[in-house]
Amino acid sequence: MSYIQKLVAGGAVSVGLSADWVNSAYRIEGNEDAGTVVFENDSGELELIEYTHNEDGDRTDVLVARLDRVTGETIAA
């Protein structure tokens, strides 16, 4: 079972924060305004990303770590 499958089984929510993220990001914490997602990028790598929205609605993303696709363990911070 992949890490994404484990996240979904544990209740992670598939979210689309922008057109290119639809069905590729899984919110594991937070809400639409701020939180943490696991994002599967175009290369098939998993990234742990924290995001926030300011008062103007602009989103800021911070790459926290790259994760192993199978275990979910950090492979690069």
N, C-alpha and C. Protein backbone atom coordinates (compact mmCIF):
# COMPACT_ATOMS: atom_id res chain seq x y z
N MET A 1 0.85 -1.18 0.00
CA MET A 1 0.00 0.00 0.00
C MET A 1 0.89 1.24 0.00
N SER A 2 0.61 2.18 -0.90
CA SER A 2 1.41 3.41 -0.97
C SER A 2 1.06 4.34 0.19
N TYR A 3 1.92 5.31 0.40
CA TYR A 3 1.69 6.29 1.46
C TYR A 3 0.41 7.07 1.20
N ILE A 4 0.13 7.44 -0.06
CA ILE A 4 -1.10 8.16 -0.39
C ILE A 4 -2.31 7.29 -0.05
N GLN A 5 -2.28 6.02 -0.36
CA GLN A 5 -3.39 5.13 -0.03
C GLN A 5 -3.59 5.07 1.48
N LYS A 6 -2.50 5.04 2.24
CA LYS A 6 -2.61 5.03 3.70
C LYS A 6 -3.22 6.34 4.21
N LEU A 7 -2.82 7.47 3.60
CA LEU A 7 -3.39 8.75 4.01
C LEU A 7 -4.89 8.79 3.79
N VAL A 8 -5.32 8.37 2.61
CA VAL A 8 -6.74 8.38 2.28
C VAL A 8 -7.50 7.44 3.21
N ALA A 9 -6.95 6.27 3.46
CA ALA A 9 -7.60 5.32 4.37
C ALA A 9 -7.71 5.91 5.77
N GLY A 10 -6.76 6.78 6.15
CA GLY A 10 -6.78 7.41 7.46
C GLY A 10 -7.62 8.66 7.52
N GLY A 11 -8.26 9.03 6.41
CA GLY A 11 -9.16 10.18 6.42
C GLY A 11 -8.62 11.44 5.77
N ALA A 12 -7.46 11.38 5.14
CA ALA A 12 -6.95 12.56 4.43
C ALA A 12 -7.91 12.91 3.31
N VAL A 13 -8.04 14.19 3.05
CA VAL A 13 -9.00 14.68 2.07
C VAL A 13 -8.27 15.09 0.79
N SER A 14 -8.74 14.58 -0.34
CA SER A 14 -8.19 15.01 -1.62
C SER A 14 -8.70 16.42 -1.88
N VAL A 15 -7.79 17.35 -2.16
CA VAL A 15 -8.17 18.74 -2.37
C VAL A 15 -7.58 19.27 -3.66
N GLY A 16 -8.20 20.27 -4.20
CA GLY A 16 -7.67 20.97 -5.37
C GLY A 16 -7.47 22.42 -5.01
N LEU A 17 -6.25 22.79 -4.65
CA LEU A 17 -5.99 24.16 -4.22
C LEU A 17 -5.79 25.10 -5.39
N SER A 18 -5.46 24.57 -6.53
CA SER A 18 -5.38 25.35 -7.76
C SER A 18 -5.55 24.37 -8.90
N ALA A 19 -5.71 24.87 -10.09
CA ALA A 19 -6.04 24.01 -11.23
C ALA A 19 -5.06 22.86 -11.40
N ASP A 20 -3.77 23.10 -11.16
CA ASP A 20 -2.79 22.04 -11.38
C ASP A 20 -2.65 21.09 -10.19
N TRP A 21 -3.36 21.34 -9.09
CA TRP A 21 -3.26 20.46 -7.93
C TRP A 21 -4.44 19.51 -7.80
N VAL A 22 -5.46 19.64 -8.62
CA VAL A 22 -6.66 18.83 -8.47
C VAL A 22 -6.31 17.35 -8.46
N ASN A 23 -6.78 16.65 -7.44
CA ASN A 23 -6.56 15.22 -7.24
C ASN A 23 -5.09 14.85 -7.07
N SER A 24 -4.24 15.80 -6.80
CA SER A 24 -2.83 15.51 -6.58
C SER A 24 -2.37 15.90 -5.19
N ALA A 25 -3.23 16.58 -4.44
CA ALA A 25 -2.88 17.02 -3.10
C ALA A 25 -3.87 16.44 -2.10
N TYR A 26 -3.35 16.03 -0.95
CA TYR A 26 -4.18 15.42 0.08
C TYR A 26 -3.97 16.19 1.37
N ARG A 27 -5.02 16.87 1.82
CA ARG A 27 -4.90 17.66 3.04
C ARG A 27 -4.90 16.72 4.24
N ILE A 28 -3.86 16.86 5.07
CA ILE A 28 -3.74 16.02 6.25
C ILE A 28 -3.97 16.82 7.52
N GLU A 29 -4.06 18.15 7.35
CA GLU A 29 -4.28 19.01 8.52
C GLU A 29 -4.74 20.38 8.02
N GLY A 30 -5.65 21.02 8.75
CA GLY A 30 -6.03 22.38 8.43
C GLY A 30 -7.34 22.48 7.67
N ASN A 31 -7.49 23.62 6.97
CA ASN A 31 -8.69 23.91 6.21
C ASN A 31 -8.30 24.64 4.93
N GLU A 32 -9.27 25.31 4.29
CA GLU A 32 -8.97 26.00 3.04
C GLU A 32 -8.00 27.16 3.22
N ASP A 33 -7.98 27.76 4.40
CA ASP A 33 -7.16 28.94 4.64
C ASP A 33 -5.71 28.65 5.02
N ALA A 34 -5.50 27.57 5.74
CA ALA A 34 -4.15 27.23 6.20
C ALA A 34 -4.11 25.75 6.56
N GLY A 35 -2.98 25.12 6.28
CA GLY A 35 -2.87 23.72 6.64
C GLY A 35 -1.65 23.06 6.03
N THR A 36 -1.73 21.73 5.97
CA THR A 36 -0.63 20.92 5.47
C THR A 36 -1.19 19.92 4.48
N VAL A 37 -0.51 19.78 3.35
CA VAL A 37 -0.91 18.80 2.35
C VAL A 37 0.28 17.94 1.97
N VAL A 38 -0.02 16.73 1.50
CA VAL A 38 0.97 15.92 0.81
C VAL A 38 0.61 16.04 -0.66
N PHE A 39 1.58 16.51 -1.43
CA PHE A 39 1.38 16.81 -2.84
C PHE A 39 2.19 15.86 -3.69
N GLU A 40 1.53 15.25 -4.67
CA GLU A 40 2.24 14.38 -5.61
C GLU A 40 2.55 15.23 -6.83
N ASN A 41 3.84 15.56 -7.02
CA ASN A 41 4.21 16.47 -8.10
C ASN A 41 4.24 15.76 -9.45
N ASP A 42 4.55 16.50 -10.51
CA ASP A 42 4.54 15.95 -11.87
C ASP A 42 5.54 14.82 -12.06
N SER A 43 6.55 14.76 -11.23
CA SER A 43 7.56 13.69 -11.31
C SER A 43 7.18 12.47 -10.49
N GLY A 44 6.01 12.52 -9.83
CA GLY A 44 5.58 11.40 -9.00
C GLY A 44 6.20 11.40 -7.63
N GLU A 45 6.90 12.48 -7.26
CA GLU A 45 7.48 12.58 -5.93
C GLU A 45 6.44 13.15 -4.97
N LEU A 46 6.58 12.80 -3.69
CA LEU A 46 5.68 13.33 -2.68
C LEU A 46 6.37 14.46 -1.93
N GLU A 47 5.64 15.55 -1.74
CA GLU A 47 6.16 16.71 -1.01
C GLU A 47 5.20 17.07 0.11
N LEU A 48 5.73 17.34 1.27
CA LEU A 48 4.94 17.82 2.39
C LEU A 48 4.98 19.34 2.33
N ILE A 49 3.83 19.97 2.17
CA ILE A 49 3.76 21.41 1.96
C ILE A 49 2.81 22.04 2.97
N GLU A 50 3.27 23.11 3.60
CA GLU A 50 2.41 23.93 4.46
C GLU A 50 1.97 25.14 3.65
N TYR A 51 0.70 25.50 3.77
CA TYR A 51 0.18 26.63 3.00
C TYR A 51 -0.64 27.56 3.90
N THR A 52 -0.68 28.81 3.52
CA THR A 52 -1.53 29.80 4.17
C THR A 52 -2.07 30.75 3.11
N HIS A 53 -3.18 31.39 3.42
CA HIS A 53 -3.74 32.44 2.57
C HIS A 53 -3.74 33.73 3.38
N ASN A 54 -3.33 34.83 2.74
CA ASN A 54 -3.35 36.11 3.45
C ASN A 54 -4.72 36.77 3.27
N GLU A 55 -4.87 37.97 3.78
CA GLU A 55 -6.15 38.67 3.73
C GLU A 55 -6.62 38.94 2.31
N ASP A 56 -5.68 39.05 1.37
CA ASP A 56 -6.03 39.29 -0.03
C ASP A 56 -6.35 38.00 -0.79
N GLY A 57 -6.20 36.86 -0.13
CA GLY A 57 -6.48 35.59 -0.76
C GLY A 57 -5.30 34.95 -1.46
N ASP A 58 -4.14 35.60 -1.40
CA ASP A 58 -2.94 35.03 -2.01
C ASP A 58 -2.42 33.88 -1.16
N ARG A 59 -2.02 32.79 -1.82
CA ARG A 59 -1.53 31.61 -1.10
C ARG A 59 -0.01 31.62 -1.04
N THR A 60 0.52 31.23 0.11
CA THR A 60 1.95 31.03 0.28
C THR A 60 2.18 29.57 0.60
N ASP A 61 3.09 28.93 -0.13
CA ASP A 61 3.43 27.53 0.07
C ASP A 61 4.85 27.42 0.58
N VAL A 62 5.07 26.51 1.53
CA VAL A 62 6.41 26.24 2.03
C VAL A 62 6.65 24.74 1.94
N LEU A 63 7.69 24.35 1.20
CA LEU A 63 8.06 22.94 1.12
C LEU A 63 8.74 22.56 2.42
N VAL A 64 8.13 21.63 3.15
CA VAL A 64 8.67 21.19 4.43
C VAL A 64 9.63 20.02 4.24
N ALA A 65 9.24 19.06 3.37
CA ALA A 65 10.07 17.87 3.18
C ALA A 65 9.62 17.11 1.95
N ARG A 66 10.50 16.28 1.44
CA ARG A 66 10.14 15.30 0.41
C ARG A 66 9.97 13.97 1.14
N LEU A 67 8.98 13.20 0.70
CA LEU A 67 8.63 11.98 1.40
C LEU A 67 8.80 10.76 0.51
N ASP A 68 9.13 9.63 1.14
CA ASP A 68 9.20 8.35 0.44
C ASP A 68 7.79 7.95 0.02
N ARG A 69 7.63 7.51 -1.24
CA ARG A 69 6.30 7.17 -1.75
C ARG A 69 5.65 5.99 -1.04
N VAL A 70 6.44 5.09 -0.50
CA VAL A 70 5.88 3.90 0.13
C VAL A 70 5.69 4.10 1.63
N THR A 71 6.72 4.59 2.31
CA THR A 71 6.66 4.67 3.78
C THR A 71 6.16 6.01 4.29
N GLY A 72 6.33 7.07 3.49
CA GLY A 72 5.97 8.40 3.96
C GLY A 72 7.05 9.03 4.82
N GLU A 73 8.17 8.34 4.96
CA GLU A 73 9.25 8.89 5.77
C GLU A 73 9.97 10.00 5.01
N THR A 74 10.52 10.94 5.75
CA THR A 74 11.24 12.06 5.16
C THR A 74 12.51 11.56 4.47
N ILE A 75 12.70 11.97 3.20
CA ILE A 75 13.92 11.61 2.49
C ILE A 75 14.77 12.85 2.24
N ALA A 76 14.17 14.05 2.36
CA ALA A 76 14.91 15.30 2.23
C ALA A 76 14.09 16.39 2.89
N ALA A 77 14.76 17.21 3.68
CA ALA A 77 14.05 18.30 4.34
C ALA A 77 14.53 19.63 3.79
